[in-house]
Amino acid sequence: MSDPSKGFSTLAVHAGEPHRKAHGAITTPISCTATYVFDDTAEMRDHFEGRIEREEYGRYGNPTVRVAERKIAAIGGGEECAIFSSGMAAITTTLLAMLRSGQHVILTSDCYRRTRQFITGVLSRFGVDSTIVAPDDYDALAAAIRPKETRLVISESPTNPYLRCLDLERVGAITAKHPAVKLLIDATFATPVNQRPLEQGADLVFHSCTKYLAGHNDMLGGAVVGPEPLVSALRDFRGVLGGILDAHSAYLLIRGLKTLELRVTRQNQTALQVAEALEAHPKIARVYYPGLASHPDHEVAVRHMSGFGGVVSFLVEGDLDRTSRFVDGCQLPVIGPSLGGVESLIEQPALMSFYELTTEQREAIGIKDNLVRLSVGVEDAADLIADLEQALDQV
């Protein structure tokens, strides 16, 4: 099922799966095999000459993975989806497939740091140049495009950790003036529930399936959604580089996708309540959440998003150690580097993702010692707020 007239959760439950599955099972089976056999050489020739569609070898595809791909494409509004063994496998494969020596990529300054590191530290060694612009400087983005060299513009929206929201239609209008330039949006924080970048000017959309799509902190995966010619080329490249998702992880992803809208809707509601409570607390210096009128991109988020996500970032009044005491005082959120699961996770980016840098180096890239990122799970909002307040009482 990929009927666009169907609702989001109907597609999330049924899209990509046959009504009747093997052995009468209600869930998609885990196809745990590396090799697929042919009945005879005629079937093999039919496959290679494109007359039938079937699997050949595990590095090129898997039936369980294909169900997950069709489901994500349906809920994301794309023609096709390719799933990879991790979010970074999806990003690096996409960049390697689409960029050549002498070409140029533009990325925003708070683009995911590992994506930024791969572009500036790895692709640069192979002759790919890059320009970094602020996420809200659209004039700088337009000026950075080199008509003969630029091939990709990449950004998250919302971004990590300050949840900046791009005006996707405005960025899409800029890139549309240059047919060779593709716009890739990392929509992990938004999810297809809250935002549909392909309808707002993006050419490709990336998701870390590890986060909200699977939603249970129990698998790694990455997905790229977009038009069939582009995604099929990425899938072919995946077969060369080998970053295929395993069948069991695909099964977990399919399971998580079926409750995606239920979970994200709850996380949207709870995160907004948490953000409002924190903004009113005397020991919080500032809250960053697109659903608050105080957020610099609130108006953009209202136009582009149907919900504001489950991540709330904020500054505690005080220094590194005082902020650490607050984090340690929380009893419901557990300290961890990820987001998007049913359990609330909390982290102090200065000590988690940027521990190797000095305070001055972190400040230079906008990471303050008193910054906290909270990924809201599906716990009751009142319990989560009470726990944050008792932890603040300790500092």
Protein backbone atom coordinates (compact mmCIF):
# COMPACT_ATOMS: atom_id res chain seq x y z
CA MET A 1 0.00 0.00 0.00
CA SER A 2 1.30 3.44 -0.98
CA ASP A 3 -2.05 5.20 -1.47
CA PRO A 4 -1.47 8.91 -0.69
CA SER A 5 -5.14 9.23 0.25
CA LYS A 6 -4.53 7.06 3.31
CA GLY A 7 -3.64 8.60 6.66
CA PHE A 8 -0.15 8.62 8.12
CA SER A 9 -0.59 5.85 10.67
CA THR A 10 -2.49 3.67 8.18
CA LEU A 11 0.51 3.90 5.85
CA ALA A 12 2.93 3.37 8.73
CA VAL A 13 1.19 0.12 9.64
CA HIS A 14 0.38 -1.28 6.19
CA ALA A 15 2.56 0.34 3.49
CA GLY A 16 5.22 -1.81 1.89
CA GLU A 17 3.82 -5.10 3.20
CA PRO A 18 1.65 -7.68 1.42
CA HIS A 19 -1.72 -8.20 3.07
CA ARG A 20 -0.99 -11.88 3.51
CA LYS A 21 2.54 -12.82 4.50
CA ALA A 22 4.47 -16.07 4.59
CA HIS A 23 2.88 -18.80 6.74
CA GLY A 24 -0.05 -16.50 7.55
CA ALA A 25 2.11 -14.40 9.87
CA ILE A 26 0.83 -10.92 10.75
CA THR A 27 4.36 -9.48 10.97
CA THR A 28 6.91 -9.33 8.17
CA PRO A 29 9.28 -12.30 8.51
CA ILE A 30 13.00 -11.82 9.13
CA SER A 31 14.72 -13.04 5.97
CA CYS A 32 17.95 -14.13 7.60
CA THR A 33 19.94 -15.18 4.55
CA ALA A 34 22.99 -13.96 2.69
CA THR A 35 22.41 -15.98 -0.49
CA TYR A 36 19.36 -16.37 -2.71
CA VAL A 37 19.04 -19.27 -5.13
CA PHE A 38 17.50 -19.48 -8.61
CA ASP A 39 15.29 -22.27 -9.89
CA ASP A 40 17.18 -22.38 -13.18
CA THR A 41 19.35 -20.28 -15.48
CA ALA A 42 16.27 -18.86 -17.21
CA GLU A 43 15.11 -17.29 -13.96
CA MET A 44 18.59 -15.92 -13.39
CA ARG A 45 18.61 -14.31 -16.85
CA ASP A 46 15.13 -12.86 -16.26
CA HIS A 47 16.46 -11.24 -13.08
CA PHE A 48 19.61 -9.77 -14.59
CA GLU A 49 17.77 -8.53 -17.68
CA GLY A 50 15.12 -6.79 -15.57
CA ARG A 51 12.07 -8.91 -16.41
CA ILE A 52 11.51 -9.96 -12.79
CA GLU A 53 12.34 -8.29 -9.49
CA ARG A 54 13.88 -10.46 -6.80
CA GLU A 55 16.89 -10.63 -4.51
CA GLU A 56 20.24 -12.00 -5.62
CA TYR A 57 22.79 -11.56 -2.82
CA GLY A 58 22.57 -10.12 0.67
CA ARG A 59 24.80 -7.12 0.01
CA TYR A 60 22.42 -5.92 -2.69
CA GLY A 61 19.15 -6.31 -0.84
CA ASN A 62 16.95 -8.21 1.56
CA PRO A 63 13.15 -8.75 1.57
CA THR A 64 12.75 -7.49 5.15
CA VAL A 65 14.84 -4.40 4.36
CA ARG A 66 12.78 -3.72 1.23
CA VAL A 67 9.56 -3.68 3.28
CA ALA A 68 11.09 -1.08 5.61
CA GLU A 69 12.26 0.96 2.60
CA ARG A 70 8.83 0.98 0.98
CA LYS A 71 7.20 1.93 4.28
CA ILE A 72 9.55 4.88 4.90
CA ALA A 73 9.13 6.08 1.31
CA ALA A 74 5.34 6.01 1.73
CA ILE A 75 5.23 7.97 4.99
CA GLY A 76 7.91 10.40 3.79
CA GLY A 77 6.20 11.23 0.53
CA GLY A 78 9.07 9.97 -1.62
CA GLU A 79 9.19 7.66 -4.61
CA GLU A 80 11.94 5.49 -3.17
CA CYS A 81 14.01 4.88 -0.04
CA ALA A 82 17.38 3.24 0.52
CA ILE A 83 18.27 2.02 4.01
CA PHE A 84 21.82 1.64 5.30
CA SER A 85 23.53 -0.01 8.26
CA SER A 86 23.81 3.28 10.17
CA GLY A 87 23.02 6.95 9.75
CA MET A 88 26.63 7.71 8.91
CA ALA A 89 26.72 4.88 6.37
CA ALA A 90 23.75 6.55 4.67
CA ILE A 91 25.35 10.00 4.68
CA THR A 92 28.84 8.92 3.61
CA THR A 93 27.52 6.66 0.84
CA THR A 94 25.32 9.48 -0.45
CA LEU A 95 28.19 11.96 -0.45
CA LEU A 96 30.59 9.54 -2.11
CA ALA A 97 28.01 8.69 -4.75
CA MET A 98 27.12 12.29 -5.59
CA LEU A 99 30.43 14.17 -5.34
CA ARG A 100 33.58 14.09 -7.44
CA SER A 101 37.01 15.71 -7.22
CA GLY A 102 36.79 19.39 -8.11
CA GLN A 103 33.20 19.72 -6.93
CA HIS A 104 31.84 21.71 -4.02
CA VAL A 105 29.36 21.19 -1.17
CA ILE A 106 27.72 23.74 1.14
CA LEU A 107 26.70 22.86 4.69
CA THR A 108 25.31 24.79 7.63
CA SER A 109 27.48 25.51 10.65
CA ASP A 110 25.51 23.31 13.05
CA CYS A 111 25.10 20.42 10.65
CA TYR A 112 25.70 17.10 12.43
CA ARG A 113 29.34 17.16 13.50
CA ARG A 114 30.25 13.75 12.05
CA THR A 115 28.80 14.78 8.68
CA ARG A 116 30.83 17.98 8.89
CA GLN A 117 33.95 16.04 9.85
CA PHE A 118 33.54 13.66 6.92
CA ILE A 119 33.16 16.52 4.45
CA THR A 120 35.94 18.72 5.78
CA GLY A 121 38.34 15.99 6.91
CA VAL A 122 37.84 13.14 4.44
CA LEU A 123 36.26 14.42 1.23
CA SER A 124 38.68 17.35 1.23
CA ARG A 125 41.52 14.84 0.80
CA PHE A 126 39.88 13.71 -2.45
CA GLY A 127 39.52 17.20 -3.91
CA VAL A 128 35.99 18.06 -2.75
CA ASP A 129 35.78 21.63 -1.46
CA SER A 130 33.23 22.89 1.07
CA THR A 131 31.77 26.09 2.43
CA ILE A 132 30.08 26.44 5.83
CA VAL A 133 27.32 29.03 6.29
CA ALA A 134 25.08 29.99 9.21
CA PRO A 135 21.69 28.22 9.12
CA ASP A 136 19.77 31.49 8.94
CA ASP A 137 22.00 33.37 6.48
CA TYR A 138 20.20 32.77 3.19
CA ASP A 139 22.12 35.50 1.37
CA ALA A 140 25.41 33.82 2.34
CA LEU A 141 24.08 30.47 1.14
CA ALA A 142 23.07 31.91 -2.23
CA ALA A 143 26.43 33.67 -2.55
CA ALA A 144 28.32 30.46 -1.71
CA ILE A 145 26.90 28.54 -4.68
CA ARG A 146 29.43 28.07 -7.45
CA PRO A 147 27.39 27.34 -10.57
CA LYS A 148 30.04 25.14 -12.17
CA GLU A 149 31.19 23.33 -9.02
CA THR A 150 28.51 23.16 -6.33
CA ARG A 151 26.55 19.91 -6.28
CA LEU A 152 25.03 19.64 -2.79
CA VAL A 153 23.59 21.85 -0.06
CA ILE A 154 23.24 19.96 3.24
CA SER A 155 21.59 20.93 6.48
CA GLU A 156 19.62 19.55 9.37
CA SER A 157 16.25 21.05 10.18
CA PRO A 158 15.77 21.31 13.10
CA THR A 159 19.49 21.42 13.82
CA ASN A 160 21.40 19.99 16.75
CA PRO A 161 21.60 21.20 19.50
CA TYR A 162 19.92 24.62 19.16
CA LEU A 163 17.04 23.39 17.00
CA ARG A 164 17.40 26.03 14.30
CA CYS A 165 14.74 25.55 11.61
CA LEU A 166 15.50 26.33 7.99
CA ASP A 167 12.99 28.06 5.77
CA LEU A 168 12.99 25.08 3.44
CA GLU A 169 10.94 26.76 0.74
CA ARG A 170 13.36 29.68 0.69
CA VAL A 171 16.41 27.41 0.52
CA GLY A 172 14.67 25.24 -2.10
CA ALA A 173 14.01 28.32 -4.22
CA ILE A 174 17.71 29.22 -4.04
CA THR A 175 18.93 25.78 -5.09
CA ALA A 176 16.24 25.45 -7.77
CA LYS A 177 17.95 28.24 -9.71
CA HIS A 178 20.89 25.87 -10.20
CA PRO A 179 19.69 22.52 -11.68
CA ALA A 180 22.96 20.78 -10.84
CA VAL A 181 22.63 21.61 -7.12
CA LYS A 182 20.69 19.17 -4.94
CA LEU A 183 19.29 20.01 -1.50
CA LEU A 184 19.69 17.27 1.13
CA ILE A 185 17.89 17.79 4.46
CA ASP A 186 18.63 15.75 7.55
CA ALA A 187 15.13 15.55 9.06
CA THR A 188 15.98 13.17 11.89
CA PHE A 189 14.79 15.58 14.60
CA ALA A 190 11.57 16.43 12.76
CA THR A 191 10.53 12.96 11.52
CA PRO A 192 8.00 12.59 8.70
CA VAL A 193 5.28 13.17 11.31
CA ASN A 194 6.29 16.79 11.87
CA GLN A 195 7.81 17.84 8.56
CA ARG A 196 7.91 16.70 4.93
CA PRO A 197 10.94 18.38 3.29
CA LEU A 198 10.36 16.77 -0.11
CA GLU A 199 7.17 18.82 -0.37
CA GLN A 200 9.03 21.99 0.66
CA GLY A 201 11.90 22.06 -1.81
CA ALA A 202 14.32 19.31 -0.77
CA ASP A 203 15.63 16.80 -3.30
CA LEU A 204 16.67 14.17 -0.78
CA VAL A 205 15.74 13.61 2.87
CA PHE A 206 17.90 11.77 5.36
CA HIS A 207 16.81 10.08 8.60
CA SER A 208 18.84 8.36 11.27
CA CYS A 209 16.52 5.38 11.76
CA THR A 210 18.28 4.78 15.06
CA LYS A 211 16.32 7.68 16.53
CA TYR A 212 12.57 8.27 16.18
CA LEU A 213 11.80 5.95 13.26
CA ALA A 214 12.74 2.82 15.20
CA GLY A 215 12.18 4.60 18.48
CA HIS A 216 13.35 2.05 21.03
CA ASN A 217 17.12 2.58 21.31
CA ASP A 218 17.75 -0.95 20.05
CA MET A 219 19.05 -0.71 16.47
CA LEU A 220 21.28 1.31 14.14
CA GLY A 221 20.20 2.41 10.68
CA GLY A 222 19.98 5.29 8.24
CA ALA A 223 17.61 6.08 5.38
CA VAL A 224 17.64 8.35 2.33
CA VAL A 225 14.31 9.18 0.67
CA GLY A 226 13.74 10.88 -2.68
CA PRO A 227 13.03 10.42 -6.40
CA GLU A 228 13.53 6.95 -7.86
CA PRO A 229 16.51 7.71 -10.16
CA LEU A 230 18.57 9.30 -7.37
CA VAL A 231 17.74 6.70 -4.72
CA SER A 232 18.26 3.76 -7.07
CA ALA A 233 21.73 5.10 -7.85
CA LEU A 234 22.44 5.30 -4.11
CA ARG A 235 21.22 1.74 -3.64
CA ASP A 236 23.59 0.57 -6.38
CA PHE A 237 26.44 2.41 -4.68
CA ARG A 238 25.46 0.79 -1.37
CA GLY A 239 25.97 -2.58 -3.02
CA VAL A 240 29.57 -1.59 -3.79
CA LEU A 241 30.42 -0.08 -0.38
CA GLY A 242 28.49 -2.73 1.55
CA GLY A 243 26.58 -0.65 4.09
CA ILE A 244 23.44 -2.81 4.00
CA LEU A 245 21.12 -3.05 7.01
CA ASP A 246 20.75 -6.52 8.51
CA ALA A 247 17.37 -8.24 8.43
CA HIS A 248 16.83 -8.30 12.19
CA SER A 249 17.43 -4.57 12.48
CA ALA A 250 15.01 -4.03 9.59
CA TYR A 251 12.42 -6.05 11.51
CA LEU A 252 12.90 -3.82 14.57
CA LEU A 253 12.62 -0.75 12.35
CA ILE A 254 9.35 -1.96 10.81
CA ARG A 255 7.97 -2.59 14.29
CA GLY A 256 8.95 0.90 15.41
CA LEU A 257 7.52 2.62 12.32
CA LYS A 258 4.06 1.28 13.08
CA THR A 259 3.83 3.37 16.25
CA LEU A 260 5.81 6.37 14.97
CA GLU A 261 2.92 8.84 14.87
CA LEU A 262 1.64 7.78 18.29
CA ARG A 263 5.06 8.20 19.88
CA VAL A 264 6.03 11.45 18.16
CA THR A 265 2.67 13.07 18.87
CA ARG A 266 3.14 12.27 22.56
CA GLN A 267 6.74 13.51 22.50
CA ASN A 268 5.68 16.74 20.80
CA GLN A 269 3.11 17.41 23.50
CA THR A 270 5.41 16.55 26.40
CA ALA A 271 8.40 18.47 25.02
CA LEU A 272 6.33 21.64 24.67
CA GLN A 273 5.14 21.33 28.27
CA VAL A 274 8.71 20.70 29.46
CA ALA A 275 10.02 23.67 27.45
CA GLU A 276 7.37 25.98 28.91
CA ALA A 277 8.10 24.79 32.46
CA LEU A 278 11.85 25.24 32.03
CA GLU A 279 11.46 28.69 30.49
CA ALA A 280 9.57 29.78 33.61
CA HIS A 281 12.14 28.33 36.03
CA PRO A 282 14.49 30.82 37.74
CA LYS A 283 17.51 28.49 37.47
CA ILE A 284 17.25 28.19 33.67
CA ALA A 285 18.98 30.93 31.68
CA ARG A 286 17.46 30.10 28.29
CA VAL A 287 15.43 27.44 26.54
CA TYR A 288 15.78 26.49 22.86
CA TYR A 289 12.61 24.89 21.49
CA PRO A 290 10.93 25.79 18.18
CA GLY A 291 7.49 25.65 19.78
CA LEU A 292 8.30 28.62 22.02
CA ALA A 293 7.73 32.16 20.76
CA SER A 294 11.19 33.02 22.14
CA HIS A 295 12.92 30.70 19.66
CA PRO A 296 14.51 32.63 16.76
CA ASP A 297 12.88 30.33 14.18
CA HIS A 298 9.47 29.97 15.80
CA GLU A 299 7.67 31.57 12.86
CA VAL A 300 9.44 29.31 10.36
CA ALA A 301 8.67 26.25 12.49
CA VAL A 302 4.98 27.19 12.68
CA ARG A 303 4.83 27.41 8.87
CA HIS A 304 6.82 24.29 8.10
CA MET A 305 6.11 21.89 10.95
CA SER A 306 2.97 20.25 12.29
CA GLY A 307 4.73 19.53 15.61
CA PHE A 308 7.92 20.84 17.15
CA GLY A 309 9.72 17.63 18.08
CA GLY A 310 10.83 15.85 21.20
CA VAL A 311 14.18 17.56 21.88
CA VAL A 312 14.54 20.52 24.26
CA SER A 313 17.89 22.26 24.73
CA PHE A 314 18.51 24.74 27.52
CA LEU A 315 21.13 26.62 29.51
CA VAL A 316 21.35 26.11 33.26
CA GLU A 317 22.29 29.16 35.33
CA GLY A 318 25.87 28.38 36.32
CA ASP A 319 29.05 26.75 35.12
CA LEU A 320 30.10 23.30 33.89
CA ASP A 321 30.11 21.69 37.35
CA ARG A 322 26.80 23.16 38.44
CA THR A 323 25.20 21.94 35.23
CA SER A 324 26.69 18.49 35.79
CA ARG A 325 25.12 18.37 39.26
CA PHE A 326 21.75 19.08 37.70
CA VAL A 327 22.19 16.33 35.09
CA ASP A 328 23.32 13.86 37.77
CA GLY A 329 20.31 14.79 39.90
CA CYS A 330 17.79 13.70 37.28
CA GLN A 331 16.18 10.35 38.06
CA LEU A 332 13.96 9.72 35.03
CA PRO A 333 16.12 10.82 32.07
CA VAL A 334 19.24 8.70 31.77
CA ILE A 335 22.55 10.07 30.51
CA GLY A 336 23.13 9.01 26.93
CA PRO A 337 24.28 10.39 23.56
CA SER A 338 21.25 9.58 21.41
CA LEU A 339 17.64 10.72 21.09
CA GLY A 340 14.22 9.73 19.82
CA GLY A 341 13.55 6.64 21.94
CA VAL A 342 10.74 5.89 24.35
CA GLU A 343 13.09 6.59 27.26
CA SER A 344 14.05 10.19 27.99
CA LEU A 345 17.77 10.83 27.53
CA ILE A 346 19.76 13.77 28.86
CA GLU A 347 23.27 14.95 28.09
CA GLN A 348 25.64 17.83 28.63
CA PRO A 349 27.15 18.27 25.14
CA ALA A 350 30.34 19.80 26.55
CA LEU A 351 31.05 16.48 28.27
CA MET A 352 29.44 14.08 25.79
CA SER A 353 30.07 15.05 22.18
CA PHE A 354 32.75 17.71 22.67
CA TYR A 355 34.70 16.42 25.67
CA GLU A 356 38.04 16.58 23.84
CA LEU A 357 37.76 20.36 23.36
CA THR A 358 38.62 23.08 25.85
CA THR A 359 35.95 25.47 27.12
CA GLU A 360 37.31 28.15 24.77
CA GLN A 361 37.23 25.80 21.77
CA ARG A 362 33.68 24.74 22.59
CA GLU A 363 32.57 28.36 22.99
CA ALA A 364 34.03 29.14 19.56
CA ILE A 365 31.64 26.64 17.94
CA GLY A 366 28.68 27.63 20.10
CA ILE A 367 28.76 24.79 22.65
CA LYS A 368 28.45 26.29 26.12
CA ASP A 369 29.51 24.47 29.27
CA ASN A 370 26.05 24.95 30.79
CA LEU A 371 24.15 23.62 27.75
CA VAL A 372 21.87 20.61 28.29
CA ARG A 373 20.05 18.60 25.63
CA LEU A 374 17.00 16.63 26.71
CA SER A 375 15.41 14.06 24.42
CA VAL A 376 11.89 13.58 25.72
CA GLY A 377 10.55 10.04 25.78
CA VAL A 378 6.98 8.88 26.33
CA GLU A 379 6.89 9.22 30.11
CA ASP A 380 4.10 11.29 31.67
CA ALA A 381 4.82 14.99 31.27
CA ALA A 382 4.01 15.80 34.91
CA ASP A 383 6.48 13.19 36.18
CA LEU A 384 9.23 14.39 33.85
CA ILE A 385 8.73 18.05 34.80
CA ALA A 386 8.69 17.20 38.52
CA ASP A 387 11.93 15.28 38.13
CA LEU A 388 13.66 18.15 36.31
CA GLU A 389 12.48 20.56 39.01
CA GLN A 390 13.78 18.41 41.86
CA ALA A 391 17.14 18.14 40.09
CA LEU A 392 17.25 21.94 39.71
CA ASP A 393 16.50 22.27 43.44
CA GLN A 394 19.82 20.52 44.10
CA VAL A 395 21.94 23.17 42.34
